[in-house]
């Protein structure tokens, strides 16, 4: 493993972890409040046949930032473009979970797909909030008023608000685990309390404003869509809506998985991803 850095054009220094020295490159983009560690269960199996790159998006590293730049989707897409150039990653397979998928859609809108190879998008909607014309966002019912309340909760108690967002959704097991305050939920709470709450709240405030529905179809690259059948946030209609707007899409449903299907069945995900990259 090599820990690398590159400096974005606003002066921020971003960290990237590289594994493996041969084979096609795979670039992993984590979700909101996560980090490069999200992908750790996958690395050992992948690094023997692939060059694996996983970053900490700005505001997500736990390190003091060098700038005050907000981690908007547009800024992270720009960071990604500069990362591609810094490490010669044009043509790689890009894997985005949750916020990472939003980053890729924003990238398509801002930069096109000339530098992208294959894309893998994991359990995400291109528009988080819902309204009369869109019910495929969070919970299928996360309107402007609900979104505003959640922002207030983030500012009051960031860690608990994030846990409630995860728990009070479409997955009954999550709701039961949160109510019982199991050790897993305690560990999540501890980890969230160590994060830069203000910076991540600013990031969320941008993400929840996004409407990237027009960006979904801005690529003809092959796309692997991986969705949880028991996602905390999204009904399967969201996955089918996205698949219908792509020129070359493969949809894989993990029937018993939550918002992180790649974490709940990493062995299956590694097999599907390696076959997809090699196709």
Protein backbone atom coordinates (compact mmCIF):
# COMPACT_ATOMS: atom_id res chain seq x y z
CA UNK A 1 0.00 0.00 0.00
CA UNK A 2 1.17 3.49 -0.84
CA UNK A 3 -0.26 6.67 0.68
CA UNK A 4 -0.13 9.42 -1.91
CA UNK A 5 -1.20 13.06 -2.01
CA UNK A 6 -2.09 15.58 -4.67
CA UNK A 7 -2.80 19.27 -4.38
CA UNK A 8 -6.03 20.61 -5.83
CA UNK A 9 -6.06 23.92 -7.64
CA UNK A 10 -7.42 25.76 -4.58
CA UNK A 11 -4.44 24.61 -2.51
CA UNK A 12 -6.15 21.75 -0.65
CA UNK A 13 -4.08 18.60 -0.20
CA UNK A 14 -6.00 15.37 -0.75
CA UNK A 15 -4.86 11.88 0.20
CA UNK A 16 -5.12 8.76 -1.95
CA UNK A 17 -4.33 5.16 -1.04
CA UNK A 18 -2.92 2.98 -3.82
CA UNK A 19 -2.78 -0.82 -3.82
CA UNK A 20 -1.41 -3.17 -6.47
CA UNK A 21 0.98 -2.51 -9.31
CA UNK A 22 -0.53 -4.35 -12.29
CA UNK A 23 -3.80 -4.60 -14.12
CA UNK A 24 -6.64 -2.21 -14.88
CA UNK A 25 -7.16 0.69 -12.50
CA UNK A 26 -10.21 0.94 -10.25
CA UNK A 27 -10.96 4.21 -8.45
CA UNK A 28 -13.24 4.14 -5.40
CA UNK A 29 -15.28 7.15 -4.25
CA UNK A 30 -16.86 6.78 -0.81
CA UNK A 31 -20.11 8.06 0.64
CA UNK A 32 -20.92 11.06 2.84
CA UNK A 33 -19.40 10.84 6.37
CA UNK A 34 -17.27 7.86 5.20
CA UNK A 35 -13.65 7.67 4.04
CA UNK A 36 -11.27 5.44 2.09
CA UNK A 37 -11.78 2.86 4.86
CA UNK A 38 -15.22 2.09 3.42
CA UNK A 39 -13.50 -0.02 0.77
CA UNK A 40 -11.05 -1.90 3.02
CA UNK A 41 -12.89 -5.27 2.88
CA UNK A 42 -12.48 -5.32 -0.90
CA UNK A 43 -8.85 -4.36 -1.32
CA UNK A 44 -7.13 -7.68 -0.56
CA UNK A 45 -9.04 -9.54 -3.27
CA UNK A 46 -8.67 -6.79 -5.84
CA UNK A 47 -5.07 -5.66 -5.51
CA UNK A 48 -3.55 -8.84 -6.98
CA UNK A 49 -5.13 -8.16 -10.38
CA UNK A 50 -5.88 -4.43 -10.32
CA UNK A 51 -4.38 -1.10 -9.42
CA UNK A 52 -6.73 0.16 -6.72
CA UNK A 53 -7.05 3.84 -5.80
CA UNK A 54 -9.27 5.13 -2.99
CA UNK A 55 -9.39 8.72 -1.84
CA UNK A 56 -10.61 10.68 1.11
CA UNK A 57 -12.86 13.33 -0.39
CA UNK A 58 -12.26 16.82 0.95
CA UNK A 59 -13.74 17.41 4.42
CA UNK A 60 -13.79 13.63 4.99
CA UNK A 61 -10.19 12.81 5.92
CA UNK A 62 -10.26 13.78 9.58
CA UNK A 63 -7.20 15.93 8.90
CA UNK A 64 -7.31 19.71 9.39
CA UNK A 65 -8.07 21.29 5.98
CA UNK A 66 -5.66 23.75 4.40
CA UNK A 67 -8.48 25.81 2.87
CA UNK A 68 -12.02 26.84 3.75
CA UNK A 69 -13.45 25.54 0.46
CA UNK A 70 -16.80 23.83 0.94
CA UNK A 71 -16.93 20.22 -0.23
CA UNK A 72 -19.65 20.73 -2.82
CA UNK A 73 -20.36 18.13 -5.49
CA UNK A 74 -18.93 20.50 -8.11
CA UNK A 75 -15.73 20.96 -6.10
CA UNK A 76 -15.35 17.21 -5.55
CA UNK A 77 -15.90 16.56 -9.27
CA UNK A 78 -13.14 19.07 -9.98
CA UNK A 79 -10.92 17.33 -7.43
CA UNK A 80 -11.61 14.04 -9.20
CA UNK A 81 -10.61 15.49 -12.55
CA UNK A 82 -7.34 16.68 -11.04
CA UNK A 83 -6.78 13.32 -9.36
CA UNK A 84 -7.24 11.58 -12.72
CA UNK A 85 -4.55 13.79 -14.22
CA UNK A 86 -2.22 13.52 -11.22
CA UNK A 87 -2.13 9.71 -11.29
CA UNK A 88 -2.78 9.04 -14.99
CA UNK A 89 -6.17 7.40 -14.33
CA UNK A 90 -7.95 8.17 -17.58
CA UNK A 91 -9.90 5.12 -18.68
CA UNK A 92 -10.10 3.58 -15.20
CA UNK A 93 -13.23 2.03 -13.77
CA UNK A 94 -14.79 4.50 -11.33
CA UNK A 95 -16.87 3.16 -8.45
CA UNK A 96 -19.07 5.58 -6.50
CA UNK A 97 -21.19 4.75 -3.49
CA UNK A 98 -23.86 7.23 -2.34
CA UNK A 99 -22.12 10.63 -2.39
CA UNK A 100 -19.48 9.03 -4.61
CA UNK A 101 -22.16 8.33 -7.23
CA UNK A 102 -23.36 11.93 -6.98
CA UNK A 103 -19.75 13.03 -7.55
CA UNK A 104 -19.61 10.94 -10.72
CA UNK A 105 -22.89 12.34 -12.05
CA UNK A 106 -21.66 15.86 -11.29
CA UNK A 107 -18.41 14.98 -13.08
CA UNK A 108 -20.35 13.87 -16.16
CA UNK A 109 -22.22 17.16 -16.20
CA UNK A 110 -19.09 19.29 -15.75
CA UNK A 111 -16.41 17.34 -17.62
CA UNK A 112 -18.09 14.68 -19.78
CA UNK A 113 -16.96 11.06 -19.93
CA UNK A 114 -13.82 11.32 -22.09
CA UNK A 115 -11.52 10.41 -19.16
CA UNK A 116 -13.84 7.78 -17.70
CA UNK A 117 -13.85 4.07 -18.42
CA UNK A 118 -16.55 1.90 -16.92
CA UNK A 119 -18.74 3.18 -14.09
CA UNK A 120 -20.15 1.38 -11.06
CA UNK A 121 -22.83 3.27 -9.14
CA UNK A 122 -23.98 1.98 -5.76
CA UNK A 123 -27.39 2.70 -4.18
CA UNK A 124 -27.96 6.36 -4.95
CA UNK A 125 -30.60 8.67 -6.39
CA UNK A 126 -29.64 11.64 -8.59
CA UNK A 127 -31.99 13.85 -6.55
CA UNK A 128 -32.26 13.39 -2.80
CA UNK A 129 -35.29 15.54 -2.08
CA UNK A 130 -38.78 14.65 -3.27
CA UNK A 131 -41.62 16.75 -4.59
CA UNK A 132 -44.77 16.41 -6.67
CA UNK A 133 -42.72 15.42 -9.72
CA UNK A 134 -40.14 13.17 -8.05
CA UNK A 135 -40.73 10.45 -5.48
CA UNK A 136 -37.51 8.48 -6.01
CA UNK A 137 -35.38 10.41 -3.54
CA UNK A 138 -34.71 9.61 0.12
CA UNK A 139 -37.42 7.34 1.60
CA UNK A 140 -39.61 8.22 -1.40
CA UNK A 141 -40.80 11.05 0.87
CA UNK A 142 -38.12 13.59 1.80
CA UNK A 143 -39.58 16.94 0.81
CA UNK A 144 -38.19 20.43 1.32
CA UNK A 145 -39.69 20.75 4.80
CA UNK A 146 -38.24 17.40 5.90
CA UNK A 147 -34.88 18.38 4.44
CA UNK A 148 -34.88 21.69 6.31
CA UNK A 149 -35.69 19.93 9.59
CA UNK A 150 -32.84 17.50 9.05
CA UNK A 151 -30.36 20.32 8.44
CA UNK A 152 -31.43 21.84 11.73
CA UNK A 153 -30.92 18.50 13.46
CA UNK A 154 -27.42 18.21 11.96
CA UNK A 155 -26.48 21.57 13.43
CA UNK A 156 -27.89 20.62 16.82
CA UNK A 157 -26.42 17.11 17.18
CA UNK A 158 -24.62 15.97 14.05
CA UNK A 159 -23.90 12.36 15.03
CA UNK A 160 -27.39 11.60 16.31
CA UNK A 161 -29.03 13.24 13.30
CA UNK A 162 -27.03 11.07 10.89
CA UNK A 163 -27.91 7.94 12.85
CA UNK A 164 -31.61 8.82 12.79
CA UNK A 165 -31.43 9.45 9.03
CA UNK A 166 -30.09 5.91 8.61
CA UNK A 167 -32.44 4.32 11.12
CA UNK A 168 -35.77 5.98 10.39
CA UNK A 169 -35.97 4.94 6.75
CA UNK A 170 -37.01 1.91 4.73
CA UNK A 171 -35.02 -0.77 6.56
CA UNK A 172 -36.79 -2.25 9.59
CA UNK A 173 -33.62 -3.92 10.90
CA UNK A 174 -31.88 -0.54 11.05
CA UNK A 175 -34.75 0.95 13.01
CA UNK A 176 -34.69 -1.95 15.47
CA UNK A 177 -30.91 -1.81 15.86
CA UNK A 178 -30.97 1.91 16.57
CA UNK A 179 -33.78 1.54 19.11
CA UNK A 180 -31.85 -1.24 20.88
CA UNK A 181 -28.63 0.83 20.71
CA UNK A 182 -26.59 -2.21 19.72
CA UNK A 183 -22.81 -2.14 19.81
CA UNK A 184 -22.66 -1.51 16.06
CA UNK A 185 -24.77 1.63 16.44
CA UNK A 186 -22.65 2.73 19.40
CA UNK A 187 -19.51 2.40 17.29
CA UNK A 188 -21.08 4.41 14.49
CA UNK A 189 -22.03 7.14 16.98
CA UNK A 190 -18.47 7.30 18.30
CA UNK A 191 -17.04 7.51 14.79
CA UNK A 192 -19.48 10.23 13.73
CA UNK A 193 -18.68 12.33 16.80
CA UNK A 194 -15.04 12.41 15.71
CA UNK A 195 -15.87 13.94 12.32
CA UNK A 196 -15.82 17.66 11.39
CA UNK A 197 -19.54 18.28 11.82
CA UNK A 198 -19.67 21.82 10.43
CA UNK A 199 -17.77 20.96 7.24
CA UNK A 200 -19.85 17.85 6.61
CA UNK A 201 -23.08 19.72 7.27
CA UNK A 202 -22.03 22.29 4.66
CA UNK A 203 -21.31 19.42 2.29
CA UNK A 204 -24.75 17.88 2.93
CA UNK A 205 -26.45 21.22 2.38
CA UNK A 206 -25.03 21.23 -1.15
CA UNK A 207 -25.81 17.58 -1.84
CA UNK A 208 -29.43 17.95 -0.85
CA UNK A 209 -29.85 20.86 -3.29
CA UNK A 210 -28.65 18.81 -6.25
CA UNK A 211 -30.81 17.69 -9.12
CA UNK A 212 -28.58 15.53 -11.32
CA UNK A 213 -31.32 13.68 -13.18
CA UNK A 214 -30.17 15.22 -16.46
CA UNK A 215 -26.62 13.95 -15.85
CA UNK A 216 -27.54 10.26 -15.54
CA UNK A 217 -27.72 9.71 -19.29
CA UNK A 218 -24.67 11.81 -20.18
CA UNK A 219 -22.51 8.76 -20.81
CA UNK A 220 -22.44 5.79 -23.15
CA UNK A 221 -19.87 4.01 -20.96
CA UNK A 222 -20.90 0.62 -19.57
CA UNK A 223 -22.43 1.04 -16.12
CA UNK A 224 -22.87 -1.48 -13.31
CA UNK A 225 -25.68 -0.47 -10.94
CA UNK A 226 -25.62 -2.12 -7.51
CA UNK A 227 -28.63 -1.55 -5.25
CA UNK A 228 -29.82 -2.91 -1.94
CA UNK A 229 -33.22 -4.57 -1.91
CA UNK A 230 -33.64 -3.31 1.67
CA UNK A 231 -31.89 0.04 1.23
CA UNK A 232 -32.38 2.48 4.08
CA UNK A 233 -33.06 5.27 1.61
CA UNK A 234 -34.15 4.20 -1.88
CA UNK A 235 -36.85 2.01 -3.35
CA UNK A 236 -35.88 -0.25 -6.23
CA UNK A 237 -37.87 1.96 -8.60
CA UNK A 238 -34.96 4.39 -8.29
CA UNK A 239 -32.53 1.81 -9.66
CA UNK A 240 -34.83 0.93 -12.55
CA UNK A 241 -35.33 4.62 -13.40
CA UNK A 242 -31.57 5.07 -13.68
CA UNK A 243 -31.02 1.87 -15.66
CA UNK A 244 -33.66 2.90 -18.20
CA UNK A 245 -31.72 6.09 -18.98
CA UNK A 246 -28.35 4.48 -19.61
CA UNK A 247 -27.15 3.19 -22.95
CA UNK A 248 -25.34 0.19 -21.43
CA UNK A 249 -26.46 -0.74 -17.92
CA UNK A 250 -26.29 -3.88 -15.82
CA UNK A 251 -28.48 -3.83 -12.72
CA UNK A 252 -27.56 -6.05 -9.77
CA UNK A 253 -29.94 -6.19 -6.81
CA UNK A 254 -28.72 -7.49 -3.44
CA UNK A 255 -32.09 -8.53 -2.11
CA UNK A 256 -31.29 -8.50 1.62
CA UNK A 257 -28.79 -5.63 1.59
CA UNK A 258 -29.17 -2.12 2.97
CA UNK A 259 -27.71 1.12 1.55
CA UNK A 260 -24.26 -0.55 1.42
CA UNK A 261 -24.70 -3.76 -0.58
CA UNK A 262 -20.96 -3.91 -1.34
CA UNK A 263 -20.27 -4.05 2.41
CA UNK A 264 -22.95 -6.61 3.22
CA UNK A 265 -21.77 -9.08 0.57
CA UNK A 266 -18.22 -8.08 -0.38
CA UNK A 267 -17.40 -11.46 -1.93
CA UNK A 268 -20.25 -11.17 -4.41
CA UNK A 269 -19.41 -7.56 -5.14
CA UNK A 270 -15.75 -8.31 -5.86
CA UNK A 271 -16.73 -11.07 -8.30
CA UNK A 272 -19.24 -8.84 -10.10
CA UNK A 273 -16.89 -5.87 -10.23
CA UNK A 274 -13.90 -7.85 -11.55
CA UNK A 275 -16.06 -9.49 -14.21
CA UNK A 276 -17.43 -6.08 -15.16
CA UNK A 277 -13.98 -4.51 -15.41
CA UNK A 278 -12.69 -7.43 -17.51
CA UNK A 279 -15.69 -7.54 -19.88
